[in-house]
N, C-alpha and C. Protein backbone atom coordinates (compact mmCIF):
# COMPACT_ATOMS: atom_id res chain seq x y z
N MET A 1 -15.53 7.66 -9.65
CA MET A 1 -14.98 7.18 -10.90
C MET A 1 -15.54 5.79 -11.15
N ARG A 2 -16.17 5.60 -12.27
CA ARG A 2 -16.70 4.30 -12.66
C ARG A 2 -15.80 3.71 -13.74
N PHE A 3 -15.58 2.40 -13.65
CA PHE A 3 -14.72 1.73 -14.61
C PHE A 3 -15.58 1.06 -15.66
N LYS A 4 -15.22 1.23 -16.90
CA LYS A 4 -15.92 0.59 -18.01
C LYS A 4 -15.11 -0.57 -18.56
N HIS A 5 -13.94 -0.80 -18.00
CA HIS A 5 -13.07 -1.87 -18.45
C HIS A 5 -13.31 -3.11 -17.60
N PRO A 6 -13.02 -4.28 -18.13
CA PRO A 6 -13.11 -5.48 -17.30
C PRO A 6 -12.06 -5.43 -16.20
N SER A 7 -12.31 -6.14 -15.12
CA SER A 7 -11.37 -6.18 -14.01
C SER A 7 -10.10 -6.93 -14.40
N ILE A 8 -8.99 -6.46 -13.85
CA ILE A 8 -7.70 -7.10 -14.05
C ILE A 8 -7.56 -8.19 -12.99
N LEU A 9 -7.08 -9.36 -13.40
CA LEU A 9 -6.72 -10.42 -12.47
C LEU A 9 -5.20 -10.37 -12.34
N PRO A 10 -4.69 -9.63 -11.36
CA PRO A 10 -3.24 -9.40 -11.32
C PRO A 10 -2.47 -10.66 -10.98
N GLY A 11 -1.26 -10.72 -11.47
CA GLY A 11 -0.30 -11.77 -11.15
C GLY A 11 0.87 -11.11 -10.46
N LEU A 12 2.03 -11.19 -11.08
CA LEU A 12 3.23 -10.57 -10.54
C LEU A 12 3.31 -9.12 -11.03
N ILE A 13 3.41 -8.19 -10.10
CA ILE A 13 3.63 -6.78 -10.41
C ILE A 13 5.04 -6.45 -9.96
N THR A 14 5.87 -6.03 -10.89
CA THR A 14 7.22 -5.59 -10.53
C THR A 14 7.25 -4.07 -10.51
N LEU A 15 8.06 -3.52 -9.63
CA LEU A 15 8.12 -2.06 -9.49
C LEU A 15 9.40 -1.47 -10.05
N GLY A 16 10.11 -2.26 -10.83
CA GLY A 16 11.35 -1.78 -11.44
C GLY A 16 11.11 -0.78 -12.56
N ILE A 17 12.17 -0.29 -13.12
CA ILE A 17 12.13 0.75 -14.13
C ILE A 17 11.38 0.32 -15.38
N GLU A 18 11.33 -0.98 -15.66
CA GLU A 18 10.65 -1.46 -16.86
C GLU A 18 9.20 -1.88 -16.59
N ASN A 19 8.64 -1.43 -15.48
CA ASN A 19 7.23 -1.70 -15.17
C ASN A 19 6.39 -0.69 -15.95
N TYR A 20 5.70 -1.17 -16.96
CA TYR A 20 4.89 -0.27 -17.78
C TYR A 20 3.40 -0.38 -17.46
N ASP A 21 3.02 -1.32 -16.60
CA ASP A 21 1.61 -1.54 -16.32
C ASP A 21 1.07 -0.67 -15.19
N TYR A 22 1.93 -0.25 -14.26
CA TYR A 22 1.48 0.50 -13.09
C TYR A 22 2.32 1.74 -12.90
N THR A 23 1.66 2.80 -12.50
CA THR A 23 2.30 4.05 -12.13
C THR A 23 2.16 4.19 -10.62
N TRP A 24 3.22 4.60 -9.96
CA TRP A 24 3.22 4.74 -8.51
C TRP A 24 3.54 6.18 -8.14
N LYS A 25 2.80 6.70 -7.14
CA LYS A 25 3.00 8.07 -6.66
C LYS A 25 2.93 8.09 -5.15
N THR A 26 3.53 9.12 -4.56
CA THR A 26 3.40 9.30 -3.12
C THR A 26 2.16 10.15 -2.83
N PHE A 27 1.68 9.99 -1.62
CA PHE A 27 0.49 10.73 -1.17
C PHE A 27 0.61 10.83 0.34
N GLY A 28 0.25 11.98 0.90
CA GLY A 28 0.41 12.10 2.34
C GLY A 28 -0.47 13.13 2.99
N ASP A 29 -0.13 13.42 4.25
CA ASP A 29 -0.96 14.27 5.09
C ASP A 29 -0.96 15.75 4.68
N GLN A 30 -0.23 16.09 3.62
CA GLN A 30 -0.25 17.47 3.14
C GLN A 30 -1.67 17.88 2.74
N VAL A 31 -2.50 16.90 2.34
CA VAL A 31 -3.88 17.22 1.97
C VAL A 31 -4.68 17.72 3.16
N LEU A 32 -4.18 17.50 4.38
CA LEU A 32 -4.83 17.97 5.60
C LEU A 32 -4.01 19.07 6.28
N GLY A 33 -3.06 19.63 5.56
CA GLY A 33 -2.20 20.65 6.14
C GLY A 33 -1.00 20.08 6.87
N GLY A 34 -0.73 18.78 6.70
CA GLY A 34 0.40 18.13 7.37
C GLY A 34 1.73 18.48 6.73
N LEU A 35 2.79 18.06 7.40
CA LEU A 35 4.14 18.41 6.98
C LEU A 35 5.00 17.20 6.62
N SER A 36 4.42 16.01 6.61
CA SER A 36 5.20 14.82 6.27
C SER A 36 5.68 14.90 4.83
N THR A 37 6.81 14.25 4.56
CA THR A 37 7.40 14.29 3.22
C THR A 37 7.58 12.89 2.66
N ALA A 38 7.66 12.80 1.35
CA ALA A 38 7.91 11.52 0.68
C ALA A 38 8.61 11.80 -0.63
N HIS A 39 9.63 11.00 -0.92
CA HIS A 39 10.40 11.12 -2.15
C HIS A 39 10.58 9.74 -2.76
N ILE A 40 10.33 9.64 -4.06
CA ILE A 40 10.48 8.37 -4.78
C ILE A 40 11.81 8.35 -5.51
N VAL A 41 12.49 7.21 -5.41
CA VAL A 41 13.67 6.95 -6.22
C VAL A 41 13.36 5.70 -7.04
N GLN A 42 13.24 5.87 -8.34
CA GLN A 42 12.99 4.73 -9.22
C GLN A 42 14.31 4.03 -9.49
N LYS A 43 14.38 2.76 -9.14
CA LYS A 43 15.59 1.97 -9.36
C LYS A 43 15.33 0.97 -10.48
N ASP A 44 16.37 0.26 -10.89
CA ASP A 44 16.24 -0.73 -11.97
C ASP A 44 15.21 -1.80 -11.64
N THR A 45 15.21 -2.29 -10.41
CA THR A 45 14.32 -3.40 -10.06
C THR A 45 13.34 -3.09 -8.94
N SER A 46 13.26 -1.83 -8.50
CA SER A 46 12.40 -1.50 -7.36
C SER A 46 12.08 -0.01 -7.33
N ILE A 47 11.22 0.34 -6.38
CA ILE A 47 10.96 1.75 -6.05
C ILE A 47 11.32 1.93 -4.58
N LYS A 48 12.12 2.96 -4.31
CA LYS A 48 12.49 3.30 -2.94
C LYS A 48 11.78 4.59 -2.55
N VAL A 49 11.23 4.61 -1.35
CA VAL A 49 10.53 5.80 -0.85
C VAL A 49 11.19 6.21 0.46
N THR A 50 11.57 7.47 0.54
CA THR A 50 12.18 8.02 1.75
C THR A 50 11.45 9.30 2.12
N GLY A 51 11.54 9.66 3.38
CA GLY A 51 10.92 10.90 3.82
C GLY A 51 10.89 10.96 5.33
N SER A 52 9.97 11.79 5.82
CA SER A 52 9.82 11.97 7.25
C SER A 52 8.35 12.20 7.58
N THR A 53 7.89 11.55 8.63
CA THR A 53 6.53 11.82 9.10
C THR A 53 6.62 12.84 10.22
N ILE A 54 5.71 13.82 10.16
CA ILE A 54 5.68 14.90 11.14
C ILE A 54 4.23 15.02 11.61
N ASN A 55 4.00 14.69 12.87
CA ASN A 55 2.66 14.66 13.44
C ASN A 55 2.24 16.07 13.85
N LYS A 56 1.53 16.75 12.95
CA LYS A 56 1.13 18.13 13.20
C LYS A 56 -0.26 18.23 13.79
N HIS A 57 -1.21 17.45 13.30
CA HIS A 57 -2.61 17.56 13.72
C HIS A 57 -3.13 16.25 14.32
N GLY A 58 -2.27 15.48 14.97
CA GLY A 58 -2.71 14.23 15.57
C GLY A 58 -2.63 13.04 14.62
N LYS A 59 -2.35 13.27 13.37
CA LYS A 59 -2.19 12.20 12.39
C LYS A 59 -1.02 12.56 11.49
N ALA A 60 -0.17 11.59 11.28
CA ALA A 60 0.93 11.76 10.34
C ALA A 60 0.91 10.54 9.43
N PHE A 61 0.76 10.76 8.13
CA PHE A 61 0.77 9.61 7.24
C PHE A 61 1.38 9.98 5.90
N THR A 62 1.93 8.98 5.28
CA THR A 62 2.44 9.11 3.93
C THR A 62 2.43 7.72 3.32
N CYS A 63 2.33 7.67 2.00
CA CYS A 63 2.22 6.35 1.37
C CYS A 63 2.71 6.39 -0.07
N LEU A 64 2.86 5.19 -0.60
CA LEU A 64 3.12 4.95 -2.01
C LEU A 64 1.87 4.27 -2.55
N ARG A 65 1.24 4.85 -3.58
CA ARG A 65 -0.01 4.32 -4.12
C ARG A 65 0.10 4.08 -5.62
N SER A 66 -0.57 3.03 -6.05
CA SER A 66 -0.66 2.76 -7.49
C SER A 66 -1.73 3.65 -8.10
N GLN A 67 -1.72 3.73 -9.42
CA GLN A 67 -2.80 4.45 -10.08
C GLN A 67 -4.07 3.62 -10.00
N SER A 68 -5.16 4.21 -10.38
CA SER A 68 -6.47 3.58 -10.26
C SER A 68 -6.74 2.66 -11.44
N LEU A 69 -6.84 1.36 -11.15
CA LEU A 69 -7.20 0.33 -12.13
C LEU A 69 -8.09 -0.67 -11.41
N LYS A 70 -9.12 -1.13 -12.06
CA LYS A 70 -10.04 -2.07 -11.41
C LYS A 70 -9.45 -3.48 -11.40
N HIS A 71 -9.38 -4.08 -10.20
CA HIS A 71 -8.83 -5.42 -10.01
C HIS A 71 -9.87 -6.33 -9.37
N ASP A 72 -9.80 -7.59 -9.72
CA ASP A 72 -10.64 -8.60 -9.08
C ASP A 72 -9.71 -9.51 -8.28
N LEU A 73 -9.76 -9.39 -6.96
CA LEU A 73 -8.92 -10.19 -6.08
C LEU A 73 -9.74 -11.27 -5.37
N SER A 74 -10.94 -11.54 -5.86
CA SER A 74 -11.84 -12.46 -5.16
C SER A 74 -11.31 -13.87 -5.03
N ASN A 75 -10.40 -14.30 -5.89
CA ASN A 75 -9.85 -15.66 -5.80
C ASN A 75 -8.40 -15.69 -5.31
N VAL A 76 -7.88 -14.55 -4.88
CA VAL A 76 -6.51 -14.49 -4.37
C VAL A 76 -6.49 -15.10 -2.96
N ILE A 77 -5.46 -15.93 -2.70
CA ILE A 77 -5.30 -16.56 -1.39
C ILE A 77 -4.25 -15.83 -0.56
N PHE A 78 -3.13 -15.49 -1.22
CA PHE A 78 -2.02 -14.78 -0.57
C PHE A 78 -1.54 -13.68 -1.50
N ILE A 79 -0.87 -12.70 -0.89
CA ILE A 79 -0.13 -11.69 -1.64
C ILE A 79 1.29 -11.73 -1.11
N ASP A 80 2.25 -12.03 -1.98
CA ASP A 80 3.66 -12.05 -1.60
C ASP A 80 4.28 -10.71 -2.00
N ILE A 81 4.86 -10.02 -1.02
CA ILE A 81 5.44 -8.70 -1.24
C ILE A 81 6.93 -8.77 -0.93
N LYS A 82 7.75 -8.41 -1.91
CA LYS A 82 9.20 -8.35 -1.67
C LYS A 82 9.53 -6.91 -1.30
N ILE A 83 9.98 -6.74 -0.05
CA ILE A 83 10.14 -5.40 0.52
C ILE A 83 11.34 -5.34 1.45
N LYS A 84 11.95 -4.17 1.51
CA LYS A 84 13.02 -3.88 2.47
C LYS A 84 12.61 -2.60 3.19
N THR A 85 12.65 -2.62 4.52
CA THR A 85 12.23 -1.45 5.28
C THR A 85 13.31 -1.04 6.28
N ASP A 86 13.02 0.03 6.98
CA ASP A 86 13.88 0.51 8.05
C ASP A 86 13.50 -0.08 9.40
N GLY A 87 12.55 -1.00 9.42
CA GLY A 87 12.12 -1.64 10.66
C GLY A 87 10.86 -1.04 11.25
N ARG A 88 10.43 0.13 10.76
CA ARG A 88 9.15 0.68 11.22
C ARG A 88 8.03 -0.21 10.68
N PRO A 89 6.87 -0.20 11.33
CA PRO A 89 5.75 -0.98 10.79
C PRO A 89 5.12 -0.26 9.59
N TYR A 90 4.77 -1.05 8.60
CA TYR A 90 4.11 -0.54 7.40
C TYR A 90 2.83 -1.32 7.19
N ALA A 91 1.94 -0.77 6.42
CA ALA A 91 0.70 -1.47 6.08
C ALA A 91 0.60 -1.55 4.56
N PHE A 92 0.10 -2.69 4.09
CA PHE A 92 -0.25 -2.83 2.68
C PHE A 92 -1.75 -2.71 2.62
N GLU A 93 -2.24 -1.80 1.78
CA GLU A 93 -3.67 -1.53 1.74
C GLU A 93 -4.25 -1.75 0.35
N LEU A 94 -5.49 -2.21 0.35
CA LEU A 94 -6.27 -2.41 -0.86
C LEU A 94 -7.42 -1.42 -0.81
N GLU A 95 -7.47 -0.53 -1.77
CA GLU A 95 -8.52 0.50 -1.76
C GLU A 95 -9.70 0.05 -2.61
N TYR A 96 -10.87 0.10 -2.01
CA TYR A 96 -12.10 -0.24 -2.72
C TYR A 96 -13.09 0.92 -2.73
N ASN A 97 -12.76 2.01 -2.05
CA ASN A 97 -13.53 3.25 -2.11
C ASN A 97 -12.72 4.26 -2.90
N HIS A 98 -13.40 5.21 -3.49
CA HIS A 98 -12.71 6.16 -4.37
C HIS A 98 -12.13 7.37 -3.65
N GLY A 99 -12.58 7.65 -2.44
CA GLY A 99 -12.02 8.77 -1.69
C GLY A 99 -10.80 8.33 -0.89
N TRP A 100 -9.73 9.12 -0.91
CA TRP A 100 -8.50 8.76 -0.21
C TRP A 100 -8.75 8.63 1.29
N HIS A 101 -9.76 9.33 1.80
CA HIS A 101 -10.05 9.35 3.23
C HIS A 101 -11.06 8.28 3.65
N GLU A 102 -11.52 7.47 2.70
CA GLU A 102 -12.50 6.42 2.99
C GLU A 102 -11.81 5.16 3.51
N GLU A 103 -12.61 4.26 4.05
CA GLU A 103 -12.04 3.00 4.56
C GLU A 103 -11.45 2.16 3.44
N LYS A 104 -10.49 1.34 3.84
CA LYS A 104 -9.75 0.46 2.93
C LYS A 104 -9.60 -0.88 3.63
N LEU A 105 -8.97 -1.82 2.96
CA LEU A 105 -8.54 -3.06 3.62
C LEU A 105 -7.05 -2.95 3.85
N GLY A 106 -6.59 -3.28 5.05
CA GLY A 106 -5.18 -3.16 5.36
C GLY A 106 -4.65 -4.36 6.12
N SER A 107 -3.38 -4.63 5.91
CA SER A 107 -2.68 -5.69 6.62
C SER A 107 -1.28 -5.18 6.96
N MET A 108 -0.84 -5.45 8.18
CA MET A 108 0.46 -4.97 8.64
C MET A 108 1.61 -5.77 8.03
N ILE A 109 2.71 -5.06 7.79
CA ILE A 109 3.95 -5.67 7.32
C ILE A 109 5.03 -5.30 8.33
N ASN A 110 5.58 -6.30 8.98
CA ASN A 110 6.67 -6.08 9.94
C ASN A 110 7.89 -6.86 9.45
N THR A 111 9.00 -6.17 9.34
CA THR A 111 10.23 -6.80 8.85
C THR A 111 11.42 -6.35 9.70
N THR A 112 12.53 -7.00 9.49
CA THR A 112 13.80 -6.61 10.10
C THR A 112 14.42 -5.50 9.25
N ALA A 113 14.91 -4.49 9.89
CA ALA A 113 15.48 -3.34 9.19
C ALA A 113 16.64 -3.74 8.28
N GLY A 114 16.64 -3.14 7.08
CA GLY A 114 17.77 -3.25 6.17
C GLY A 114 17.91 -4.56 5.42
N GLN A 115 16.94 -5.46 5.54
CA GLN A 115 17.02 -6.75 4.87
C GLN A 115 15.84 -6.94 3.93
N TRP A 116 16.10 -7.55 2.78
CA TRP A 116 15.02 -7.89 1.87
C TRP A 116 14.23 -9.07 2.45
N HIS A 117 12.92 -8.95 2.40
CA HIS A 117 12.02 -10.01 2.86
C HIS A 117 10.95 -10.22 1.80
N THR A 118 10.51 -11.45 1.62
CA THR A 118 9.28 -11.71 0.88
C THR A 118 8.24 -12.03 1.94
N VAL A 119 7.35 -11.09 2.14
CA VAL A 119 6.32 -11.20 3.17
C VAL A 119 5.08 -11.80 2.54
N ARG A 120 4.60 -12.90 3.08
CA ARG A 120 3.37 -13.54 2.59
C ARG A 120 2.21 -12.98 3.41
N VAL A 121 1.29 -12.32 2.71
CA VAL A 121 0.14 -11.70 3.37
C VAL A 121 -1.11 -12.50 2.99
N PRO A 122 -1.67 -13.26 3.93
CA PRO A 122 -2.91 -13.98 3.63
C PRO A 122 -4.07 -13.00 3.47
N MET A 123 -4.96 -13.28 2.56
CA MET A 123 -6.12 -12.41 2.39
C MET A 123 -6.94 -12.35 3.68
N SER A 124 -6.89 -13.41 4.47
CA SER A 124 -7.63 -13.45 5.74
C SER A 124 -7.06 -12.48 6.77
N SER A 125 -5.87 -11.93 6.54
CA SER A 125 -5.26 -11.01 7.50
C SER A 125 -5.71 -9.56 7.31
N PHE A 126 -6.46 -9.29 6.25
CA PHE A 126 -6.89 -7.91 5.99
C PHE A 126 -8.08 -7.53 6.88
N ASN A 127 -8.04 -6.30 7.35
CA ASN A 127 -9.12 -5.71 8.15
C ASN A 127 -9.54 -4.41 7.49
N LYS A 128 -10.74 -3.96 7.80
CA LYS A 128 -11.14 -2.63 7.36
C LYS A 128 -10.36 -1.62 8.19
N VAL A 129 -9.75 -0.65 7.52
CA VAL A 129 -8.96 0.38 8.19
C VAL A 129 -9.33 1.75 7.65
N LYS A 130 -9.08 2.73 8.48
CA LYS A 130 -9.25 4.13 8.07
C LYS A 130 -8.15 4.91 8.77
N PHE A 131 -7.32 5.60 8.00
CA PHE A 131 -6.16 6.31 8.52
C PHE A 131 -5.29 5.40 9.38
N CYS A 132 -5.06 4.19 8.88
CA CYS A 132 -4.18 3.19 9.51
C CYS A 132 -4.69 2.67 10.85
N GLU A 133 -5.95 2.87 11.14
CA GLU A 133 -6.54 2.31 12.36
C GLU A 133 -7.60 1.30 11.96
N ILE A 134 -7.58 0.13 12.62
CA ILE A 134 -8.58 -0.90 12.34
C ILE A 134 -9.94 -0.43 12.82
N ILE A 135 -10.92 -0.49 11.92
CA ILE A 135 -12.27 -0.11 12.31
C ILE A 135 -13.21 -1.32 12.34
N ASP A 136 -12.80 -2.41 11.71
CA ASP A 136 -13.60 -3.63 11.73
C ASP A 136 -12.75 -4.78 11.21
N SER A 137 -12.81 -5.90 11.90
CA SER A 137 -12.01 -7.03 11.46
C SER A 137 -12.72 -7.85 10.39
N LYS A 138 -13.97 -7.59 10.14
CA LYS A 138 -14.71 -8.34 9.13
C LYS A 138 -15.04 -7.42 7.95
N TYR A 139 -15.04 -8.01 6.77
CA TYR A 139 -15.44 -7.27 5.59
C TYR A 139 -16.20 -8.20 4.67
N ASP A 140 -17.01 -7.63 3.81
CA ASP A 140 -17.79 -8.39 2.85
C ASP A 140 -16.85 -8.82 1.73
N PRO A 141 -16.66 -10.13 1.50
CA PRO A 141 -15.73 -10.59 0.46
C PRO A 141 -16.08 -10.08 -0.94
N LYS A 142 -17.29 -9.63 -1.15
CA LYS A 142 -17.68 -9.11 -2.47
C LYS A 142 -16.87 -7.88 -2.86
N ILE A 143 -16.36 -7.15 -1.87
CA ILE A 143 -15.59 -5.95 -2.22
C ILE A 143 -14.27 -6.30 -2.91
N LEU A 144 -13.82 -7.54 -2.77
CA LEU A 144 -12.58 -7.96 -3.43
C LEU A 144 -12.72 -7.98 -4.95
N ASN A 145 -13.95 -7.96 -5.46
CA ASN A 145 -14.19 -7.90 -6.90
C ASN A 145 -13.90 -6.51 -7.47
N ASN A 146 -13.74 -5.54 -6.60
CA ASN A 146 -13.63 -4.16 -7.05
C ASN A 146 -12.55 -3.40 -6.29
N ILE A 147 -11.34 -3.91 -6.32
CA ILE A 147 -10.20 -3.22 -5.71
C ILE A 147 -9.58 -2.36 -6.80
N TYR A 148 -9.39 -1.09 -6.51
CA TYR A 148 -8.90 -0.24 -7.59
C TYR A 148 -7.52 0.37 -7.35
N ARG A 149 -6.96 0.18 -6.16
CA ARG A 149 -5.63 0.77 -5.92
C ARG A 149 -4.93 -0.02 -4.82
N PHE A 150 -3.58 -0.11 -4.92
CA PHE A 150 -2.76 -0.74 -3.90
C PHE A 150 -1.91 0.35 -3.25
N GLY A 151 -1.59 0.19 -1.97
CA GLY A 151 -0.77 1.20 -1.31
C GLY A 151 0.06 0.65 -0.17
N PHE A 152 1.20 1.29 0.06
CA PHE A 152 2.07 1.00 1.19
C PHE A 152 2.09 2.23 2.07
N TYR A 153 1.71 2.08 3.34
CA TYR A 153 1.59 3.21 4.25
C TYR A 153 2.57 3.08 5.40
N VAL A 154 3.20 4.20 5.76
CA VAL A 154 3.92 4.31 7.03
C VAL A 154 2.81 4.36 8.08
N SER A 155 2.78 3.38 8.97
CA SER A 155 1.55 3.21 9.75
C SER A 155 1.70 3.36 11.26
N ASP A 156 2.79 3.94 11.75
CA ASP A 156 2.93 4.01 13.20
C ASP A 156 2.61 5.37 13.80
N ASN A 157 2.35 6.38 12.98
CA ASN A 157 1.95 7.71 13.46
C ASN A 157 3.00 8.33 14.40
N ILE A 158 4.26 8.02 14.16
CA ILE A 158 5.36 8.54 14.97
C ILE A 158 6.20 9.46 14.11
N ASP A 159 6.63 10.58 14.69
CA ASP A 159 7.50 11.51 13.98
C ASP A 159 8.85 10.85 13.69
N GLY A 160 9.37 11.15 12.51
CA GLY A 160 10.73 10.69 12.21
C GLY A 160 10.91 10.24 10.79
N PRO A 161 12.17 9.99 10.43
CA PRO A 161 12.47 9.56 9.06
C PRO A 161 12.01 8.12 8.83
N TYR A 162 11.75 7.81 7.57
CA TYR A 162 11.38 6.45 7.19
C TYR A 162 11.99 6.15 5.83
N GLU A 163 12.06 4.85 5.54
CA GLU A 163 12.60 4.42 4.25
C GLU A 163 12.11 3.00 4.00
N PHE A 164 11.54 2.80 2.82
CA PHE A 164 11.19 1.45 2.41
C PHE A 164 11.37 1.32 0.91
N GLU A 165 11.57 0.09 0.48
CA GLU A 165 11.82 -0.20 -0.92
C GLU A 165 11.01 -1.44 -1.29
N VAL A 166 10.29 -1.38 -2.40
CA VAL A 166 9.45 -2.49 -2.84
C VAL A 166 9.91 -2.95 -4.21
N GLU A 167 10.12 -4.26 -4.33
CA GLU A 167 10.53 -4.84 -5.61
C GLU A 167 9.36 -5.47 -6.35
N SER A 168 8.48 -6.16 -5.62
CA SER A 168 7.38 -6.83 -6.32
C SER A 168 6.21 -7.12 -5.40
N ILE A 169 5.05 -7.32 -6.05
CA ILE A 169 3.82 -7.75 -5.40
C ILE A 169 3.31 -8.90 -6.27
N ASP A 170 3.12 -10.06 -5.65
CA ASP A 170 2.71 -11.24 -6.41
C ASP A 170 1.40 -11.77 -5.81
N PHE A 171 0.38 -11.84 -6.64
CA PHE A 171 -0.93 -12.30 -6.21
C PHE A 171 -1.02 -13.80 -6.48
N ILE A 172 -1.22 -14.58 -5.41
CA ILE A 172 -1.20 -16.04 -5.49
C ILE A 172 -2.64 -16.54 -5.40
N TYR A 173 -3.03 -17.30 -6.43
CA TYR A 173 -4.41 -17.83 -6.52
C TYR A 173 -4.45 -19.28 -6.07
């Protein structure tokens, strides 16, 4: 997919019911014959995702992904994410390849279960990842000019229920 539109320089993205700029969907290991589940609950000020990961073929994954829009994150210093989780580790990923199975940039999000946190993610904390595994700690900063999707992944590859809720993503320049 090639973009003919100029890149978006994102600021604050809210995931509440009145968010008209971004569409969010779940995506998971069903594309590989997996059995993990994901359900979205749209709330007034957030999106809640619940489900269960089931490790059928050595990989269990599920995520919440934005629709495809071209973003320029080359001048972003931090990304502040307001999130509440069940305590499992999650990853925030920036997709710069068009295939869901291609490498991405990822950074881990660890929080205390059941509490809202604003997690500050430095751009320097991102690594190249593929299926939630780090494949290289270095990346070419030029790829930040062409980020087309954001995602939150259940990243521990362990069977069991999960739950996370995201209120906002704020790109700090």
